[in-house]
Each structure stands twice: as C-alpha cells, then as structure tokens.
Amino acid sequence: MNTEQVTVVGHVFTMPNPFEEGHVLTEGEAGQLNQVYHENIRNNIAKKVKDAITAGSFTVEAFQAQIDKMCEEYEFGKRRAGGPRAPSDPVAKEALRLAIDAISNKLRADGKKPSDFSNIKELAATLVSKNPAFTEKAKEIVAERQAMADAALGDLMSGLVEKPAEAPKPAETPAA
C-alpha cells in the first residue's frame, strides 16, 4: 500500500493511502466524494453566479448549462486554473520549493528567465512526484528547522508569563 508523509504539529508521520484506482467505495466514502464533488463545482461557479446576479443577467437555465458542462468535464485531482495549490504540509511545501528552485536555476543557466514561464509550479509538482530525492532533502531541511526552533523555544519558554485568572463575575440579582 502506498504511504504519504504527513506533518502533524511539526512532526512527520507516515500514513497509508488506502484508496487507489479500482477501490470499491463504501456508502460513507461515496457520500464524502459526492459532497466534495458538489462543493468543488459550486465553488468554481459561485463568483460567476454572483456577478451575473449583480449585472442583472442571471438565469437558472444559462447557469445550469454551465454546471452540466463542468460536471461532465470534472476530474478529481485536476485543477482547472491557477495551478496546484501550495501544500500545507511543511515537507511537501519544502519539496515543491526545492523543485521550483531547481527548475528556475536550470532556466537561468540556459539564459532564460523563469518569470517568462507560466507552468513552473506544475512541472515542479511533477518533478517532486517522480523524484523522491526532493522529498528526502525536504525532510532533512524541515527537521533541521524544527530542531533549531525547539532549541530556541526551549530558552524562550521559561520567559512565558501566564495571564492572571479572571476574577469571578458577581451573580446578577433578579429584578424585582
């Protein structure tokens, strides 16, 4: 079974990826996927609906046709615009940064400007997924940062001052 590194409160844990192509869904899993599917479609069309309402050009029929098309073309895990979202996991985020830097440095070495290219982030995500060395280096960097933070915080934590407890509020007297 595939696994993935997930950071929880600054510590990296290995978690299984229990779902893979061909997995038979339970009722609960199907419900979750349908909910996410509906939310993603809704989120992708909401601004357009609001703008059309504001402009006075909204019709349910016109937007139903757009939603039908979006539903027909929708694929889980594929982003339509804006490229991949930055990961929230520090290791994944660092691995992506390392890959972006590698691509940017290669472009500069070839006499090109990285800012002239619009899909560096997507290529970097592919590079990370195909080359575990980026994730391994990212784990080292994140662990090193965490160790530095722990050492620095250890000295500072002794200087924390607790807020005094709030005095109890007097009980209200019922009105006569």
C-alpha atoms as a PDB file:
ATOM      1  CA  MET A   1       0.000   0.000   0.000  1.00  0.00           C
ATOM      2  CA  ASN A   2       1.283   3.483  -0.849  1.00  0.00           C
ATOM      3  CA  THR A   3       2.059   5.825   2.020  1.00  0.00           C
ATOM      4  CA  GLU A   4       2.451   9.553   2.363  1.00  0.00           C
ATOM      5  CA  GLN A   5       4.368  11.754   4.792  1.00  0.00           C
ATOM      6  CA  VAL A   6       2.006  13.993   6.782  1.00  0.00           C
ATOM      7  CA  THR A   7       3.171  16.616   9.264  1.00  0.00           C
ATOM      8  CA  VAL A   8       1.163  16.944  12.473  1.00  0.00           C
ATOM      9  CA  VAL A   9       2.157  19.710  14.876  1.00  0.00           C
ATOM     10  CA  GLY A  10       5.637  19.861  13.384  1.00  0.00           C
ATOM     11  CA  HIS A  11       6.256  16.098  13.413  1.00  0.00           C
ATOM     12  CA  VAL A  12       6.294  13.955  10.283  1.00  0.00           C
ATOM     13  CA  PHE A  13       4.254  10.743  10.343  1.00  0.00           C
ATOM     14  CA  THR A  14       3.733   8.078   7.715  1.00  0.00           C
ATOM     15  CA  MET A  15       0.099   7.432   6.807  1.00  0.00           C
ATOM     16  CA  PRO A  16      -1.339   4.930   4.357  1.00  0.00           C
ATOM     17  CA  ASN A  17      -3.123   5.945   1.176  1.00  0.00           C
ATOM     18  CA  PRO A  18      -5.937   3.378   1.448  1.00  0.00           C
ATOM     19  CA  PHE A  19      -7.680   4.472  -1.741  1.00  0.00           C
ATOM     20  CA  GLU A  20      -6.396   3.577  -5.164  1.00  0.00           C
ATOM     21  CA  GLU A  21      -7.789   3.187  -8.629  1.00  0.00           C
ATOM     22  CA  GLY A  22     -10.369   0.414  -8.675  1.00  0.00           C
ATOM     23  CA  HIS A  23     -11.177   0.725  -4.957  1.00  0.00           C
ATOM     24  CA  VAL A  24     -14.806  -0.209  -4.250  1.00  0.00           C
ATOM     25  CA  LEU A  25     -16.380   2.590  -2.251  1.00  0.00           C
ATOM     26  CA  THR A  26     -18.376   2.152   0.921  1.00  0.00           C
ATOM     27  CA  GLU A  27     -21.587   4.165   1.297  1.00  0.00           C
ATOM     28  CA  GLY A  28     -19.763   6.673   3.535  1.00  0.00           C
ATOM     29  CA  GLU A  29     -16.858   7.075   1.108  1.00  0.00           C
ATOM     30  CA  ALA A  30     -19.248   7.611  -1.795  1.00  0.00           C
ATOM     31  CA  GLY A  31     -21.133  10.202   0.245  1.00  0.00           C
ATOM     32  CA  GLN A  32     -17.893  12.060   1.061  1.00  0.00           C
ATOM     33  CA  LEU A  33     -16.732  12.043  -2.540  1.00  0.00           C
ATOM     34  CA  ASN A  34     -20.103  13.281  -3.787  1.00  0.00           C
ATOM     35  CA  GLN A  35     -20.046  16.060  -1.195  1.00  0.00           C
ATOM     36  CA  VAL A  36     -16.546  17.179  -2.249  1.00  0.00           C
ATOM     37  CA  TYR A  37     -17.556  16.929  -5.916  1.00  0.00           C
ATOM     38  CA  HIS A  38     -20.603  19.167  -5.355  1.00  0.00           C
ATOM     39  CA  GLU A  39     -18.601  21.639  -3.247  1.00  0.00           C
ATOM     40  CA  ASN A  40     -15.884  21.895  -5.901  1.00  0.00           C
ATOM     41  CA  ILE A  41     -18.397  22.534  -8.683  1.00  0.00           C
ATOM     42  CA  ARG A  42     -20.257  25.045  -6.507  1.00  0.00           C
ATOM     43  CA  ASN A  43     -17.028  26.846  -5.556  1.00  0.00           C
ATOM     44  CA  ASN A  44     -15.958  27.037  -9.202  1.00  0.00           C
ATOM     45  CA  ILE A  45     -19.201  28.682 -10.339  1.00  0.00           C
ATOM     46  CA  ALA A  46     -20.231  30.792  -7.306  1.00  0.00           C
ATOM     47  CA  LYS A  47     -18.440  34.014  -8.294  1.00  0.00           C
ATOM     48  CA  LYS A  48     -19.831  33.865 -11.827  1.00  0.00           C
ATOM     49  CA  VAL A  49     -23.359  33.430 -10.444  1.00  0.00           C
ATOM     50  CA  LYS A  50     -22.903  36.384  -8.046  1.00  0.00           C
ATOM     51  CA  ASP A  51     -21.503  38.555 -10.833  1.00  0.00           C
ATOM     52  CA  ALA A  52     -24.393  37.657 -13.164  1.00  0.00           C
ATOM     53  CA  ILE A  53     -26.940  38.423 -10.431  1.00  0.00           C
ATOM     54  CA  THR A  54     -25.280  41.798  -9.807  1.00  0.00           C
ATOM     55  CA  ALA A  55     -25.210  42.539 -13.542  1.00  0.00           C
ATOM     56  CA  GLY A  56     -28.854  41.507 -13.900  1.00  0.00           C
ATOM     57  CA  SER A  57     -28.028  38.821 -16.446  1.00  0.00           C
ATOM     58  CA  PHE A  58     -28.592  35.717 -14.300  1.00  0.00           C
ATOM     59  CA  THR A  59     -30.824  32.902 -15.470  1.00  0.00           C
ATOM     60  CA  VAL A  60     -31.007  29.440 -13.923  1.00  0.00           C
ATOM     61  CA  GLU A  61     -31.123  27.898 -17.385  1.00  0.00           C
ATOM     62  CA  ALA A  62     -27.871  29.524 -18.533  1.00  0.00           C
ATOM     63  CA  PHE A  63     -26.016  28.502 -15.396  1.00  0.00           C
ATOM     64  CA  GLN A  64     -27.489  25.009 -15.375  1.00  0.00           C
ATOM     65  CA  ALA A  65     -25.947  24.531 -18.805  1.00  0.00           C
ATOM     66  CA  GLN A  66     -22.565  25.720 -17.481  1.00  0.00           C
ATOM     67  CA  ILE A  67     -22.846  23.463 -14.435  1.00  0.00           C
ATOM     68  CA  ASP A  68     -23.778  20.498 -16.660  1.00  0.00           C
ATOM     69  CA  LYS A  69     -20.648  21.128 -18.735  1.00  0.00           C
ATOM     70  CA  MET A  70     -18.457  21.466 -15.623  1.00  0.00           C
ATOM     71  CA  CYS A  71     -19.877  18.237 -14.193  1.00  0.00           C
ATOM     72  CA  GLU A  72     -19.225  16.423 -17.462  1.00  0.00           C
ATOM     73  CA  GLU A  73     -15.590  17.603 -17.599  1.00  0.00           C
ATOM     74  CA  TYR A  74     -14.804  17.363 -13.867  1.00  0.00           C
ATOM     75  CA  GLU A  75     -11.926  15.135 -12.774  1.00  0.00           C
ATOM     76  CA  PHE A  76     -10.876  14.690  -9.155  1.00  0.00           C
ATOM     77  CA  GLY A  77      -7.342  15.883  -8.536  1.00  0.00           C
ATOM     78  CA  LYS A  78      -7.208  18.071 -11.653  1.00  0.00           C
ATOM     79  CA  ARG A  79      -7.118  21.816 -11.164  1.00  0.00           C
ATOM     80  CA  ARG A  80      -8.729  23.922 -13.851  1.00  0.00           C
ATOM     81  CA  ALA A  81      -6.950  27.214 -13.285  1.00  0.00           C
ATOM     82  CA  GLY A  82      -4.279  28.725 -11.119  1.00  0.00           C
ATOM     83  CA  GLY A  83      -2.084  25.651 -10.914  1.00  0.00           C
ATOM     84  CA  PRO A  84      -1.672  23.387  -7.938  1.00  0.00           C
ATOM     85  CA  ARG A  85      -2.363  24.830  -4.549  1.00  0.00           C
ATOM     86  CA  ALA A  86       0.653  25.189  -2.275  1.00  0.00           C
ATOM     87  CA  PRO A  87       0.766  22.229   0.062  1.00  0.00           C
ATOM     88  CA  SER A  88       0.121  22.881   3.754  1.00  0.00           C
ATOM     89  CA  ASP A  89       2.429  20.049   4.840  1.00  0.00           C
ATOM     90  CA  PRO A  90       5.840  21.650   5.544  1.00  0.00           C
ATOM     91  CA  VAL A  91       7.760  18.747   3.973  1.00  0.00           C
ATOM     92  CA  ALA A  92       5.663  18.820   0.794  1.00  0.00           C
ATOM     93  CA  LYS A  93       5.895  22.611   0.686  1.00  0.00           C
ATOM     94  CA  GLU A  94       9.682  22.498   1.041  1.00  0.00           C
ATOM     95  CA  ALA A  95       9.999  19.744  -1.588  1.00  0.00           C
ATOM     96  CA  LEU A  96       7.968  21.867  -4.014  1.00  0.00           C
ATOM     97  CA  ARG A  97      10.156  24.906  -3.251  1.00  0.00           C
ATOM     98  CA  LEU A  98      13.305  22.855  -3.898  1.00  0.00           C
ATOM     99  CA  ALA A  99      11.932  21.639  -7.244  1.00  0.00           C
ATOM    100  CA  ILE A 100      10.875  25.170  -8.278  1.00  0.00           C
ATOM    101  CA  ASP A 101      14.377  26.394  -7.394  1.00  0.00           C
ATOM    102  CA  ALA A 102      15.958  23.564  -9.423  1.00  0.00           C
ATOM    103  CA  ILE A 103      13.830  24.375 -12.482  1.00  0.00           C
ATOM    104  CA  SER A 104      14.449  28.127 -12.114  1.00  0.00           C
ATOM    105  CA  ASN A 105      18.215  27.601 -11.763  1.00  0.00           C
ATOM    106  CA  LYS A 106      18.259  25.387 -14.867  1.00  0.00           C
ATOM    107  CA  LEU A 107      16.348  28.006 -16.852  1.00  0.00           C
ATOM    108  CA  ARG A 108      18.761  30.737 -15.716  1.00  0.00           C
ATOM    109  CA  ALA A 109      21.742  28.506 -16.632  1.00  0.00           C
ATOM    110  CA  ASP A 110      20.198  28.206 -20.102  1.00  0.00           C
ATOM    111  CA  GLY A 111      19.933  32.015 -20.321  1.00  0.00           C
ATOM    112  CA  LYS A 112      16.163  32.127 -19.770  1.00  0.00           C
ATOM    113  CA  LYS A 113      14.045  33.997 -17.237  1.00  0.00           C
ATOM    114  CA  PRO A 114      11.811  31.807 -15.013  1.00  0.00           C
ATOM    115  CA  SER A 115       9.216  34.596 -14.961  1.00  0.00           C
ATOM    116  CA  ASP A 116       8.698  34.032 -18.705  1.00  0.00           C
ATOM    117  CA  PHE A 117       7.160  30.608 -17.985  1.00  0.00           C
ATOM    118  CA  SER A 118       3.690  30.053 -16.522  1.00  0.00           C
ATOM    119  CA  ASN A 119       3.794  26.372 -15.589  1.00  0.00           C
ATOM    120  CA  ILE A 120       6.908  26.060 -13.427  1.00  0.00           C
ATOM    121  CA  LYS A 121       4.877  25.184 -10.340  1.00  0.00           C
ATOM    122  CA  GLU A 122       3.047  22.379 -12.161  1.00  0.00           C
ATOM    123  CA  LEU A 123       6.323  20.999 -13.541  1.00  0.00           C
ATOM    124  CA  ALA A 124       7.861  21.217 -10.067  1.00  0.00           C
ATOM    125  CA  ALA A 125       4.960  19.206  -8.599  1.00  0.00           C
ATOM    126  CA  THR A 126       5.537  16.548 -11.270  1.00  0.00           C
ATOM    127  CA  LEU A 127       9.261  16.565 -10.552  1.00  0.00           C
ATOM    128  CA  VAL A 128       8.619  16.022  -6.819  1.00  0.00           C
ATOM    129  CA  SER A 129       6.206  13.162  -7.511  1.00  0.00           C
ATOM    130  CA  LYS A 130       8.704  11.427  -9.819  1.00  0.00           C
ATOM    131  CA  ASN A 131      11.870  12.059  -7.829  1.00  0.00           C
ATOM    132  CA  PRO A 132      11.833  11.149  -4.092  1.00  0.00           C
ATOM    133  CA  ALA A 133      15.163  12.922  -3.568  1.00  0.00           C
ATOM    134  CA  PHE A 134      13.284  16.242  -3.308  1.00  0.00           C
ATOM    135  CA  THR A 135      11.087  14.918  -0.512  1.00  0.00           C
ATOM    136  CA  GLU A 136      14.050  13.325   1.276  1.00  0.00           C
ATOM    137  CA  LYS A 137      16.015  16.613   1.181  1.00  0.00           C
ATOM    138  CA  ALA A 138      12.882  18.490   2.291  1.00  0.00           C
ATOM    139  CA  LYS A 139      12.526  16.166   5.316  1.00  0.00           C
ATOM    140  CA  GLU A 140      16.104  16.967   6.317  1.00  0.00           C
ATOM    141  CA  ILE A 141      15.549  20.713   5.965  1.00  0.00           C
ATOM    142  CA  VAL A 142      12.253  20.668   7.896  1.00  0.00           C
ATOM    143  CA  ALA A 143      13.773  18.513  10.660  1.00  0.00           C
ATOM    144  CA  GLU A 144      16.745  20.893  10.888  1.00  0.00           C
ATOM    145  CA  ARG A 145      14.428  23.914  11.130  1.00  0.00           C
ATOM    146  CA  GLN A 146      12.322  22.158  13.759  1.00  0.00           C
ATOM    147  CA  ALA A 147      15.426  21.325  15.807  1.00  0.00           C
ATOM    148  CA  MET A 148      16.561  24.965  15.629  1.00  0.00           C
ATOM    149  CA  ALA A 149      13.091  26.155  16.624  1.00  0.00           C
ATOM    150  CA  ASP A 150      12.903  23.660  19.508  1.00  0.00           C
ATOM    151  CA  ALA A 151      16.315  24.803  20.796  1.00  0.00           C
ATOM    152  CA  ALA A 152      15.390  28.479  20.514  1.00  0.00           C
ATOM    153  CA  LEU A 153      11.960  27.938  22.029  1.00  0.00           C
ATOM    154  CA  GLY A 154      13.414  25.941  24.909  1.00  0.00           C
ATOM    155  CA  ASP A 155      15.269  29.038  26.110  1.00  0.00           C
ATOM    156  CA  LEU A 156      12.339  31.358  25.500  1.00  0.00           C
ATOM    157  CA  MET A 157       9.630  29.154  27.033  1.00  0.00           C
ATOM    158  CA  SER A 158      10.965  29.845  30.538  1.00  0.00           C
ATOM    159  CA  GLY A 159      10.155  33.520  29.944  1.00  0.00           C
ATOM    160  CA  LEU A 160       6.448  32.947  29.299  1.00  0.00           C
ATOM    161  CA  VAL A 161       4.152  34.602  31.812  1.00  0.00           C
ATOM    162  CA  GLU A 162       0.678  33.206  32.384  1.00  0.00           C
ATOM    163  CA  LYS A 163      -2.226  35.611  32.372  1.00  0.00           C
ATOM    164  CA  PRO A 164      -3.795  36.001  35.779  1.00  0.00           C
ATOM    165  CA  ALA A 165      -7.057  34.154  36.211  1.00  0.00           C
ATOM    166  CA  GLU A 166     -10.115  36.313  35.684  1.00  0.00           C
ATOM    167  CA  ALA A 167     -11.950  37.227  38.842  1.00  0.00           C
ATOM    168  CA  PRO A 168     -15.350  35.534  39.066  1.00  0.00           C
ATOM    169  CA  LYS A 169     -18.178  37.751  37.911  1.00  0.00           C
ATOM    170  CA  PRO A 170     -20.723  38.638  40.585  1.00  0.00           C
ATOM    171  CA  ALA A 171     -24.028  36.880  40.235  1.00  0.00           C
ATOM    172  CA  GLU A 172     -26.801  39.054  38.901  1.00  0.00           C
ATOM    173  CA  THR A 173     -29.676  39.736  41.234  1.00  0.00           C
ATOM    174  CA  PRO A 174     -33.059  39.111  39.710  1.00  0.00           C
ATOM    175  CA  ALA A 175     -35.110  42.273  39.099  1.00  0.00           C
ATOM    176  CA  ALA A 176     -37.984  42.701  41.486  1.00  0.00           C
END
